Amino acid sequence: MRGRTQEKYDQVMVELLERIVEKGRCTGDELENVPGVIQESQRIINDLERNGLIELEQGTVKITERGRALLRTLDELCGKEEV
């Protein structure tokens, strides 16, 4: 990761670490309220949808056939069994 992507990653990590230091812990529910996590999650979802890997349908995320093909390819490259 370089440049802008690295900066975003660093920003999210700093927000998470600040939350952990403040409270001594960080639960999954608390993660949902960290602005950097929310923004980065939405960016990833938008990228996946724009590239045809997922479809958003009535609040549900569905993996497209293109997405499944990518997952199968990744599994093969990693030496895992088929999904």
N, C-alpha and C. Protein backbone atom coordinates (compact mmCIF):
# COMPACT_ATOMS: atom_id res chain seq x y z
N MET A 1 0.85 -1.18 0.00
CA MET A 1 0.00 0.00 0.00
C MET A 1 0.89 1.23 0.00
N ARG A 2 0.53 2.18 -0.84
CA ARG A 2 1.31 3.40 -0.91
C ARG A 2 0.39 4.59 -1.03
N GLY A 3 0.95 5.75 -0.74
CA GLY A 3 0.26 7.00 -0.97
C GLY A 3 -1.04 7.13 -0.21
N ARG A 4 -2.07 7.48 -0.96
CA ARG A 4 -3.38 7.77 -0.38
C ARG A 4 -3.98 6.56 0.36
N THR A 5 -3.82 5.39 -0.21
CA THR A 5 -4.35 4.18 0.43
C THR A 5 -3.67 3.96 1.78
N GLN A 6 -2.36 4.14 1.81
CA GLN A 6 -1.62 3.97 3.07
C GLN A 6 -2.05 5.01 4.08
N GLU A 7 -2.28 6.24 3.64
CA GLU A 7 -2.72 7.30 4.55
C GLU A 7 -4.07 6.96 5.16
N LYS A 8 -5.00 6.46 4.35
CA LYS A 8 -6.33 6.06 4.85
C LYS A 8 -6.19 4.94 5.86
N TYR A 9 -5.37 3.95 5.53
CA TYR A 9 -5.14 2.82 6.42
C TYR A 9 -4.57 3.31 7.75
N ASP A 10 -3.58 4.19 7.67
CA ASP A 10 -2.98 4.74 8.88
C ASP A 10 -3.99 5.51 9.71
N GLN A 11 -4.85 6.28 9.05
CA GLN A 11 -5.87 7.07 9.75
C GLN A 11 -6.81 6.15 10.52
N VAL A 12 -7.27 5.09 9.89
CA VAL A 12 -8.17 4.14 10.54
C VAL A 12 -7.46 3.48 11.72
N MET A 13 -6.21 3.08 11.54
CA MET A 13 -5.47 2.44 12.62
C MET A 13 -5.30 3.38 13.81
N VAL A 14 -5.01 4.65 13.54
CA VAL A 14 -4.85 5.63 14.62
C VAL A 14 -6.16 5.78 15.38
N GLU A 15 -7.28 5.87 14.66
CA GLU A 15 -8.58 5.99 15.32
C GLU A 15 -8.87 4.78 16.20
N LEU A 16 -8.57 3.60 15.69
CA LEU A 16 -8.80 2.38 16.48
C LEU A 16 -7.91 2.34 17.72
N LEU A 17 -6.66 2.68 17.55
CA LEU A 17 -5.74 2.66 18.69
C LEU A 17 -6.13 3.70 19.73
N GLU A 18 -6.56 4.87 19.29
CA GLU A 18 -7.02 5.90 20.23
C GLU A 18 -8.22 5.39 21.03
N ARG A 19 -9.13 4.71 20.36
CA ARG A 19 -10.31 4.16 21.03
C ARG A 19 -9.90 3.12 22.07
N ILE A 20 -8.97 2.26 21.69
CA ILE A 20 -8.51 1.22 22.60
C ILE A 20 -7.81 1.83 23.81
N VAL A 21 -6.97 2.83 23.57
CA VAL A 21 -6.25 3.48 24.67
C VAL A 21 -7.22 4.20 25.61
N GLU A 22 -8.22 4.88 25.03
CA GLU A 22 -9.20 5.61 25.84
C GLU A 22 -9.98 4.67 26.76
N LYS A 23 -10.43 3.55 26.21
CA LYS A 23 -11.33 2.66 26.94
C LYS A 23 -10.64 1.41 27.47
N GLY A 24 -9.45 1.14 27.00
CA GLY A 24 -8.76 -0.07 27.40
C GLY A 24 -9.22 -1.29 26.63
N ARG A 25 -10.12 -1.10 25.71
CA ARG A 25 -10.64 -2.20 24.88
C ARG A 25 -11.40 -1.58 23.70
N CYS A 26 -11.84 -2.42 22.80
CA CYS A 26 -12.65 -1.94 21.67
C CYS A 26 -13.48 -3.12 21.17
N THR A 27 -14.79 -3.05 21.39
CA THR A 27 -15.67 -4.14 20.97
C THR A 27 -16.11 -3.93 19.52
N GLY A 28 -16.68 -4.96 18.94
CA GLY A 28 -17.21 -4.87 17.59
C GLY A 28 -18.26 -3.79 17.46
N ASP A 29 -19.12 -3.68 18.46
CA ASP A 29 -20.16 -2.64 18.42
C ASP A 29 -19.54 -1.25 18.43
N GLU A 30 -18.47 -1.08 19.19
CA GLU A 30 -17.80 0.22 19.24
C GLU A 30 -17.13 0.55 17.91
N LEU A 31 -16.64 -0.47 17.21
CA LEU A 31 -16.01 -0.23 15.91
C LEU A 31 -16.98 0.41 14.93
N GLU A 32 -18.25 0.07 15.06
CA GLU A 32 -19.26 0.61 14.15
C GLU A 32 -19.40 2.12 14.28
N ASN A 33 -18.89 2.69 15.37
CA ASN A 33 -19.02 4.12 15.60
C ASN A 33 -17.73 4.89 15.36
N VAL A 34 -16.67 4.23 14.91
CA VAL A 34 -15.41 4.92 14.61
C VAL A 34 -15.52 5.47 13.19
N PRO A 35 -15.48 6.80 13.03
CA PRO A 35 -15.67 7.41 11.71
C PRO A 35 -14.77 6.85 10.62
N GLY A 36 -13.50 6.63 10.91
CA GLY A 36 -12.58 6.10 9.90
C GLY A 36 -12.97 4.71 9.44
N VAL A 37 -13.44 3.89 10.36
CA VAL A 37 -13.87 2.53 10.02
C VAL A 37 -15.11 2.59 9.13
N ILE A 38 -16.03 3.46 9.49
CA ILE A 38 -17.26 3.62 8.71
C ILE A 38 -16.93 4.07 7.29
N GLN A 39 -16.10 5.09 7.16
CA GLN A 39 -15.75 5.63 5.84
C GLN A 39 -15.00 4.61 5.00
N GLU A 40 -14.03 3.94 5.59
CA GLU A 40 -13.24 2.96 4.84
C GLU A 40 -14.09 1.76 4.45
N SER A 41 -14.97 1.32 5.32
CA SER A 41 -15.88 0.21 5.00
C SER A 41 -16.78 0.57 3.83
N GLN A 42 -17.31 1.79 3.85
CA GLN A 42 -18.19 2.23 2.77
C GLN A 42 -17.42 2.33 1.45
N ARG A 43 -16.18 2.80 1.52
CA ARG A 43 -15.36 2.90 0.31
C ARG A 43 -15.11 1.51 -0.28
N ILE A 44 -14.82 0.55 0.57
CA ILE A 44 -14.58 -0.82 0.10
C ILE A 44 -15.84 -1.40 -0.53
N ILE A 45 -16.98 -1.22 0.12
CA ILE A 45 -18.25 -1.71 -0.43
C ILE A 45 -18.53 -1.07 -1.78
N ASN A 46 -18.32 0.24 -1.88
CA ASN A 46 -18.53 0.94 -3.15
C ASN A 46 -17.61 0.39 -4.24
N ASP A 47 -16.34 0.14 -3.90
CA ASP A 47 -15.39 -0.40 -4.88
C ASP A 47 -15.82 -1.80 -5.34
N LEU A 48 -16.23 -2.64 -4.40
CA LEU A 48 -16.67 -4.00 -4.75
C LEU A 48 -17.89 -3.96 -5.66
N GLU A 49 -18.82 -3.07 -5.35
CA GLU A 49 -20.03 -2.95 -6.17
C GLU A 49 -19.69 -2.39 -7.54
N ARG A 50 -18.87 -1.35 -7.59
CA ARG A 50 -18.50 -0.73 -8.87
C ARG A 50 -17.79 -1.73 -9.78
N ASN A 51 -17.02 -2.64 -9.20
CA ASN A 51 -16.30 -3.63 -9.99
C ASN A 51 -17.10 -4.89 -10.27
N GLY A 52 -18.36 -4.90 -9.86
CA GLY A 52 -19.24 -6.01 -10.17
C GLY A 52 -19.02 -7.26 -9.34
N LEU A 53 -18.37 -7.12 -8.19
CA LEU A 53 -18.11 -8.28 -7.35
C LEU A 53 -19.23 -8.55 -6.35
N ILE A 54 -19.99 -7.50 -6.03
CA ILE A 54 -21.15 -7.64 -5.15
C ILE A 54 -22.29 -6.81 -5.71
N GLU A 55 -23.49 -7.12 -5.25
CA GLU A 55 -24.68 -6.32 -5.55
C GLU A 55 -25.37 -6.03 -4.23
N LEU A 56 -25.86 -4.81 -4.09
CA LEU A 56 -26.62 -4.44 -2.89
C LEU A 56 -28.09 -4.51 -3.26
N GLU A 57 -28.83 -5.31 -2.51
CA GLU A 57 -30.24 -5.53 -2.82
C GLU A 57 -31.05 -5.48 -1.53
N GLN A 58 -31.84 -4.45 -1.36
CA GLN A 58 -32.70 -4.28 -0.18
C GLN A 58 -31.92 -4.45 1.13
N GLY A 59 -30.78 -3.77 1.22
CA GLY A 59 -29.99 -3.83 2.44
C GLY A 59 -29.17 -5.09 2.61
N THR A 60 -29.17 -5.95 1.60
CA THR A 60 -28.42 -7.21 1.66
C THR A 60 -27.30 -7.17 0.63
N VAL A 61 -26.14 -7.66 1.01
CA VAL A 61 -25.02 -7.75 0.08
C VAL A 61 -25.01 -9.15 -0.52
N LYS A 62 -25.01 -9.21 -1.85
CA LYS A 62 -24.97 -10.51 -2.53
C LYS A 62 -23.70 -10.57 -3.38
N ILE A 63 -22.99 -11.69 -3.29
CA ILE A 63 -21.79 -11.89 -4.10
C ILE A 63 -22.24 -12.30 -5.49
N THR A 64 -21.73 -11.61 -6.50
CA THR A 64 -22.09 -11.91 -7.89
C THR A 64 -21.28 -13.11 -8.38
N GLU A 65 -21.63 -13.60 -9.55
CA GLU A 65 -20.89 -14.71 -10.14
C GLU A 65 -19.44 -14.28 -10.39
N ARG A 66 -19.26 -13.05 -10.79
CA ARG A 66 -17.91 -12.52 -10.98
C ARG A 66 -17.14 -12.54 -9.65
N GLY A 67 -17.80 -12.18 -8.58
CA GLY A 67 -17.19 -12.22 -7.26
C GLY A 67 -16.83 -13.63 -6.84
N ARG A 68 -17.73 -14.58 -7.14
CA ARG A 68 -17.46 -15.98 -6.81
C ARG A 68 -16.25 -16.50 -7.61
N ALA A 69 -16.18 -16.10 -8.88
CA ALA A 69 -15.05 -16.53 -9.71
C ALA A 69 -13.74 -15.99 -9.14
N LEU A 70 -13.76 -14.76 -8.67
CA LEU A 70 -12.56 -14.18 -8.06
C LEU A 70 -12.18 -14.95 -6.79
N LEU A 71 -13.16 -15.28 -5.97
CA LEU A 71 -12.88 -16.04 -4.74
C LEU A 71 -12.30 -17.42 -5.07
N ARG A 72 -12.84 -18.07 -6.10
CA ARG A 72 -12.31 -19.38 -6.51
C ARG A 72 -10.85 -19.25 -6.95
N THR A 73 -10.57 -18.21 -7.74
CA THR A 73 -9.21 -17.98 -8.21
C THR A 73 -8.26 -17.72 -7.05
N LEU A 74 -8.70 -16.90 -6.11
CA LEU A 74 -7.86 -16.62 -4.93
C LEU A 74 -7.61 -17.89 -4.12
N ASP A 75 -8.64 -18.71 -3.97
CA ASP A 75 -8.48 -19.97 -3.24
C ASP A 75 -7.46 -20.88 -3.93
N GLU A 76 -7.53 -20.93 -5.28
CA GLU A 76 -6.58 -21.76 -6.03
C GLU A 76 -5.16 -21.23 -5.86
N LEU A 77 -5.00 -19.92 -5.91
CA LEU A 77 -3.68 -19.33 -5.76
C LEU A 77 -3.11 -19.56 -4.37
N CYS A 78 -3.99 -19.63 -3.39
CA CYS A 78 -3.56 -19.84 -2.00
C CYS A 78 -3.46 -21.32 -1.65
N GLY A 79 -3.82 -22.19 -2.60
CA GLY A 79 -3.73 -23.62 -2.37
C GLY A 79 -4.85 -24.19 -1.53
N LYS A 80 -5.99 -23.51 -1.49
CA LYS A 80 -7.12 -24.00 -0.70
C LYS A 80 -8.10 -24.72 -1.61
N GLU A 81 -9.01 -25.45 -0.98
CA GLU A 81 -10.04 -26.14 -1.75
C GLU A 81 -11.06 -25.15 -2.28
N GLU A 82 -11.83 -25.60 -3.26
CA GLU A 82 -12.82 -24.75 -3.90
C GLU A 82 -13.91 -24.30 -2.94
N VAL A 83 -14.41 -23.07 -3.16
CA VAL A 83 -15.49 -22.50 -2.34
C VAL A 83 -16.81 -23.04 -2.78
